[in-house]
Amino acid sequence: MAEGKTKPKFKKRNLISLVWPVNTCYSHLQAGVPKGVTVDLIKGIWTFHGQTHKIGGHRRYPCMDYTGDPIGVYDRTQINHLEQMKEDAEWVRTRFDPAGD
């Protein structure tokens, strides 16, 4: 590897995202990253509206439920990211339940 170059932790082609759809009782899975999201593949982070989050982490709080806004960005090749995505999708579905979060 050339001096000064760091190997990326993630590949852009492997990224998937959960976003808010029109009906915010659910989430929508999309390939890649939503509009307005910047990704640093070397640091393993994504940024939206000045808030930075870890790829594969969650962004539950604070989280605005505007159509198209991201809930999370994940690497589809890593099982722990897929498990987090599942948890985040379940949180969306149950967040307003009387016994929810």
N, C-alpha and C. Protein backbone atom coordinates (compact mmCIF):
# COMPACT_ATOMS: atom_id res chain seq x y z
N MET A 1 0.85 -1.17 0.00
CA MET A 1 0.00 0.00 0.00
C MET A 1 0.90 1.24 0.00
N ALA A 2 0.53 2.23 -0.78
CA ALA A 2 1.32 3.45 -0.87
C ALA A 2 1.34 4.18 0.47
N GLU A 3 2.48 4.82 0.74
CA GLU A 3 2.63 5.53 2.00
C GLU A 3 1.59 6.64 2.12
N GLY A 4 1.03 6.77 3.33
CA GLY A 4 0.04 7.82 3.55
C GLY A 4 -1.38 7.40 3.21
N LYS A 5 -1.54 6.23 2.61
CA LYS A 5 -2.88 5.77 2.26
C LYS A 5 -3.35 4.78 3.32
N THR A 6 -4.58 4.94 3.74
CA THR A 6 -5.18 4.04 4.71
C THR A 6 -6.25 3.23 4.01
N LYS A 7 -6.30 1.95 4.33
CA LYS A 7 -7.28 1.07 3.72
C LYS A 7 -8.67 1.36 4.28
N PRO A 8 -9.67 1.54 3.42
CA PRO A 8 -11.04 1.78 3.90
C PRO A 8 -11.57 0.59 4.70
N LYS A 9 -12.36 0.90 5.73
CA LYS A 9 -13.00 -0.14 6.53
C LYS A 9 -14.18 -0.75 5.80
N PHE A 10 -14.77 0.03 4.88
CA PHE A 10 -15.98 -0.40 4.18
C PHE A 10 -15.86 -0.12 2.69
N LYS A 11 -16.69 -0.80 1.91
CA LYS A 11 -16.79 -0.55 0.47
C LYS A 11 -18.16 0.04 0.20
N LYS A 12 -18.18 1.09 -0.59
CA LYS A 12 -19.43 1.80 -0.88
C LYS A 12 -20.49 0.87 -1.48
N ARG A 13 -20.08 -0.07 -2.29
CA ARG A 13 -21.03 -0.97 -2.95
C ARG A 13 -21.72 -1.90 -1.95
N ASN A 14 -21.16 -2.06 -0.75
CA ASN A 14 -21.76 -2.93 0.26
C ASN A 14 -22.69 -2.20 1.22
N LEU A 15 -22.82 -0.89 1.08
CA LEU A 15 -23.64 -0.13 2.03
C LEU A 15 -25.12 -0.18 1.67
N ILE A 16 -25.94 -0.33 2.70
CA ILE A 16 -27.39 -0.27 2.59
C ILE A 16 -27.89 0.67 3.68
N SER A 17 -29.11 1.18 3.52
CA SER A 17 -29.63 2.14 4.49
C SER A 17 -31.09 1.89 4.79
N LEU A 18 -31.46 2.16 6.03
CA LEU A 18 -32.87 2.24 6.41
C LEU A 18 -33.23 3.71 6.36
N VAL A 19 -34.36 4.03 5.74
CA VAL A 19 -34.83 5.42 5.67
C VAL A 19 -36.31 5.45 6.06
N TRP A 20 -36.76 6.65 6.41
CA TRP A 20 -38.18 6.84 6.71
C TRP A 20 -38.97 6.90 5.40
N PRO A 21 -40.01 6.07 5.24
CA PRO A 21 -40.88 6.16 4.07
C PRO A 21 -41.98 7.18 4.34
N VAL A 22 -42.95 7.27 3.46
CA VAL A 22 -44.07 8.20 3.63
C VAL A 22 -44.84 7.85 4.91
N ASN A 23 -45.09 6.57 5.14
CA ASN A 23 -45.77 6.11 6.36
C ASN A 23 -44.69 5.81 7.39
N THR A 24 -44.54 6.68 8.39
CA THR A 24 -43.44 6.54 9.34
C THR A 24 -43.69 5.47 10.40
N CYS A 25 -44.71 4.65 10.21
CA CYS A 25 -44.90 3.49 11.08
C CYS A 25 -43.96 2.37 10.66
N TYR A 26 -43.32 2.53 9.53
CA TYR A 26 -42.45 1.50 8.97
C TYR A 26 -41.13 2.13 8.56
N SER A 27 -40.22 1.31 8.07
CA SER A 27 -38.96 1.80 7.52
C SER A 27 -38.80 1.23 6.12
N HIS A 28 -37.93 1.82 5.35
CA HIS A 28 -37.68 1.38 3.98
C HIS A 28 -36.19 1.07 3.84
N LEU A 29 -35.86 -0.08 3.27
CA LEU A 29 -34.48 -0.47 3.03
C LEU A 29 -34.10 -0.09 1.61
N GLN A 30 -32.95 0.56 1.46
CA GLN A 30 -32.48 0.92 0.13
C GLN A 30 -31.01 0.59 -0.03
N ALA A 31 -30.62 0.34 -1.25
CA ALA A 31 -29.21 0.12 -1.56
C ALA A 31 -28.50 1.47 -1.51
N GLY A 32 -27.27 1.46 -1.03
CA GLY A 32 -26.48 2.69 -0.99
C GLY A 32 -26.87 3.59 0.17
N VAL A 33 -26.60 4.88 0.01
CA VAL A 33 -26.90 5.85 1.07
C VAL A 33 -27.91 6.87 0.56
N PRO A 34 -28.75 7.38 1.45
CA PRO A 34 -29.76 8.36 1.04
C PRO A 34 -29.16 9.69 0.62
N LYS A 35 -29.95 10.46 -0.06
CA LYS A 35 -29.57 11.81 -0.47
C LYS A 35 -29.24 12.64 0.77
N GLY A 36 -28.16 13.37 0.72
CA GLY A 36 -27.75 14.23 1.82
C GLY A 36 -26.82 13.58 2.83
N VAL A 37 -26.58 12.28 2.68
CA VAL A 37 -25.69 11.56 3.59
C VAL A 37 -24.29 11.53 3.00
N THR A 38 -23.29 11.88 3.81
CA THR A 38 -21.91 11.73 3.39
C THR A 38 -21.30 10.59 4.19
N VAL A 39 -20.43 9.85 3.54
CA VAL A 39 -19.83 8.66 4.16
C VAL A 39 -18.31 8.79 4.11
N ASP A 40 -17.67 8.47 5.23
CA ASP A 40 -16.21 8.37 5.29
C ASP A 40 -15.90 6.88 5.45
N LEU A 41 -15.51 6.23 4.36
CA LEU A 41 -15.27 4.79 4.36
C LEU A 41 -14.05 4.41 5.17
N ILE A 42 -13.10 5.31 5.31
CA ILE A 42 -11.88 5.02 6.09
C ILE A 42 -12.18 5.07 7.59
N LYS A 43 -12.89 6.11 8.03
CA LYS A 43 -13.24 6.23 9.45
C LYS A 43 -14.42 5.35 9.84
N GLY A 44 -15.22 4.94 8.85
CA GLY A 44 -16.38 4.11 9.15
C GLY A 44 -17.54 4.89 9.73
N ILE A 45 -17.74 6.13 9.23
CA ILE A 45 -18.81 6.97 9.75
C ILE A 45 -19.67 7.53 8.61
N TRP A 46 -20.88 7.94 8.97
CA TRP A 46 -21.75 8.64 8.04
C TRP A 46 -22.30 9.87 8.73
N THR A 47 -22.55 10.92 7.94
CA THR A 47 -23.00 12.20 8.49
C THR A 47 -24.24 12.67 7.75
N PHE A 48 -25.19 13.19 8.54
CA PHE A 48 -26.43 13.74 7.98
C PHE A 48 -26.83 14.93 8.84
N HIS A 49 -27.02 16.08 8.22
CA HIS A 49 -27.41 17.32 8.90
C HIS A 49 -26.52 17.62 10.11
N GLY A 50 -25.22 17.44 9.94
CA GLY A 50 -24.26 17.78 10.98
C GLY A 50 -24.11 16.75 12.09
N GLN A 51 -24.88 15.67 12.04
CA GLN A 51 -24.76 14.61 13.04
C GLN A 51 -23.99 13.45 12.43
N THR A 52 -22.98 12.98 13.15
CA THR A 52 -22.14 11.89 12.66
C THR A 52 -22.42 10.63 13.45
N HIS A 53 -22.48 9.51 12.73
CA HIS A 53 -22.80 8.23 13.33
C HIS A 53 -21.88 7.15 12.77
N LYS A 54 -21.71 6.10 13.52
CA LYS A 54 -20.89 4.96 13.11
C LYS A 54 -21.68 4.11 12.09
N ILE A 55 -21.02 3.69 11.02
CA ILE A 55 -21.65 2.76 10.09
C ILE A 55 -21.90 1.46 10.85
N GLY A 56 -23.12 0.97 10.79
CA GLY A 56 -23.48 -0.24 11.51
C GLY A 56 -24.00 0.03 12.90
N GLY A 57 -23.93 1.29 13.33
CA GLY A 57 -24.49 1.69 14.62
C GLY A 57 -25.94 2.10 14.42
N HIS A 58 -26.55 2.68 15.43
CA HIS A 58 -27.92 3.14 15.27
C HIS A 58 -28.01 4.63 15.50
N ARG A 59 -29.09 5.20 15.00
CA ARG A 59 -29.33 6.64 15.11
C ARG A 59 -30.75 6.84 15.60
N ARG A 60 -31.10 6.19 16.67
CA ARG A 60 -32.47 6.27 17.15
C ARG A 60 -32.79 7.62 17.77
N TYR A 61 -31.89 8.16 18.59
CA TYR A 61 -32.17 9.41 19.28
C TYR A 61 -31.00 10.36 19.08
N PRO A 62 -31.16 11.59 18.68
CA PRO A 62 -32.41 12.13 18.15
C PRO A 62 -32.58 11.68 16.71
N CYS A 63 -33.78 11.42 16.33
CA CYS A 63 -34.06 10.92 14.98
C CYS A 63 -35.37 11.50 14.49
N MET A 64 -35.31 12.32 13.51
CA MET A 64 -36.52 12.91 12.95
C MET A 64 -37.10 11.97 11.91
N ASP A 65 -38.39 11.81 11.93
CA ASP A 65 -39.02 10.87 11.01
C ASP A 65 -39.58 11.57 9.77
N TYR A 66 -38.69 12.20 9.01
CA TYR A 66 -39.06 12.84 7.76
C TYR A 66 -38.80 11.88 6.61
N THR A 67 -39.73 11.81 5.68
CA THR A 67 -39.62 10.92 4.53
C THR A 67 -38.27 11.08 3.84
N GLY A 68 -37.56 9.94 3.68
CA GLY A 68 -36.28 9.92 3.00
C GLY A 68 -35.08 10.12 3.90
N ASP A 69 -35.30 10.60 5.14
CA ASP A 69 -34.17 10.79 6.05
C ASP A 69 -33.67 9.44 6.55
N PRO A 70 -32.38 9.33 6.80
CA PRO A 70 -31.81 8.04 7.20
C PRO A 70 -32.10 7.68 8.66
N ILE A 71 -32.26 6.40 8.88
CA ILE A 71 -32.35 5.84 10.22
C ILE A 71 -31.01 5.20 10.57
N GLY A 72 -30.39 4.57 9.59
CA GLY A 72 -29.10 3.93 9.79
C GLY A 72 -28.45 3.55 8.48
N VAL A 73 -27.14 3.43 8.49
CA VAL A 73 -26.35 2.98 7.33
C VAL A 73 -25.57 1.76 7.80
N TYR A 74 -25.58 0.70 6.99
CA TYR A 74 -25.03 -0.59 7.39
C TYR A 74 -24.24 -1.21 6.24
N ASP A 75 -23.32 -2.10 6.60
CA ASP A 75 -22.59 -2.89 5.61
C ASP A 75 -23.30 -4.24 5.50
N ARG A 76 -23.85 -4.51 4.33
CA ARG A 76 -24.66 -5.71 4.13
C ARG A 76 -23.85 -7.01 4.22
N THR A 77 -22.51 -6.91 4.26
CA THR A 77 -21.68 -8.11 4.34
C THR A 77 -21.31 -8.48 5.78
N GLN A 78 -21.73 -7.67 6.74
CA GLN A 78 -21.37 -7.92 8.14
C GLN A 78 -22.63 -8.27 8.95
N ILE A 79 -22.64 -9.47 9.52
CA ILE A 79 -23.82 -9.96 10.22
C ILE A 79 -24.22 -9.05 11.38
N ASN A 80 -23.26 -8.49 12.11
CA ASN A 80 -23.62 -7.61 13.22
C ASN A 80 -24.31 -6.33 12.73
N HIS A 81 -23.99 -5.87 11.53
CA HIS A 81 -24.66 -4.72 10.95
C HIS A 81 -26.10 -5.10 10.58
N LEU A 82 -26.28 -6.30 10.03
CA LEU A 82 -27.62 -6.75 9.66
C LEU A 82 -28.49 -6.94 10.90
N GLU A 83 -27.89 -7.42 11.98
CA GLU A 83 -28.63 -7.56 13.24
C GLU A 83 -29.04 -6.19 13.77
N GLN A 84 -28.15 -5.20 13.69
CA GLN A 84 -28.48 -3.85 14.13
C GLN A 84 -29.58 -3.26 13.26
N MET A 85 -29.51 -3.50 11.94
CA MET A 85 -30.53 -3.01 11.03
C MET A 85 -31.90 -3.60 11.40
N LYS A 86 -31.92 -4.89 11.72
CA LYS A 86 -33.16 -5.55 12.13
C LYS A 86 -33.71 -4.91 13.41
N GLU A 87 -32.83 -4.66 14.38
CA GLU A 87 -33.25 -4.02 15.63
C GLU A 87 -33.80 -2.62 15.37
N ASP A 88 -33.14 -1.87 14.48
CA ASP A 88 -33.60 -0.52 14.16
C ASP A 88 -34.96 -0.54 13.46
N ALA A 89 -35.16 -1.49 12.54
CA ALA A 89 -36.45 -1.62 11.86
C ALA A 89 -37.54 -1.99 12.85
N GLU A 90 -37.22 -2.85 13.79
CA GLU A 90 -38.18 -3.24 14.83
C GLU A 90 -38.50 -2.05 15.74
N TRP A 91 -37.48 -1.25 16.06
CA TRP A 91 -37.71 -0.05 16.87
C TRP A 91 -38.68 0.89 16.17
N VAL A 92 -38.50 1.08 14.86
CA VAL A 92 -39.42 1.95 14.11
C VAL A 92 -40.85 1.45 14.24
N ARG A 93 -41.00 0.14 14.09
CA ARG A 93 -42.34 -0.44 14.12
C ARG A 93 -43.00 -0.34 15.49
N THR A 94 -42.22 -0.43 16.55
CA THR A 94 -42.80 -0.50 17.91
C THR A 94 -42.60 0.75 18.75
N ARG A 95 -41.99 1.80 18.23
CA ARG A 95 -41.60 2.93 19.06
C ARG A 95 -42.76 3.66 19.71
N PHE A 96 -43.96 3.56 19.15
CA PHE A 96 -45.11 4.23 19.74
C PHE A 96 -46.04 3.27 20.47
N ASP A 97 -45.66 2.02 20.57
CA ASP A 97 -46.44 1.04 21.34
C ASP A 97 -46.42 1.44 22.81
N PRO A 98 -47.48 1.13 23.55
CA PRO A 98 -47.50 1.47 24.98
C PRO A 98 -46.31 0.88 25.75
N ALA A 99 -45.82 -0.27 25.33
CA ALA A 99 -44.68 -0.89 26.02
C ALA A 99 -43.39 -0.74 25.22
N GLY A 100 -43.35 0.20 24.25
CA GLY A 100 -42.16 0.40 23.41
C GLY A 100 -41.02 1.01 24.19
N ASP A 101 -39.96 1.42 23.47
CA ASP A 101 -38.75 2.01 24.09
C ASP A 101 -39.17 2.97 25.13
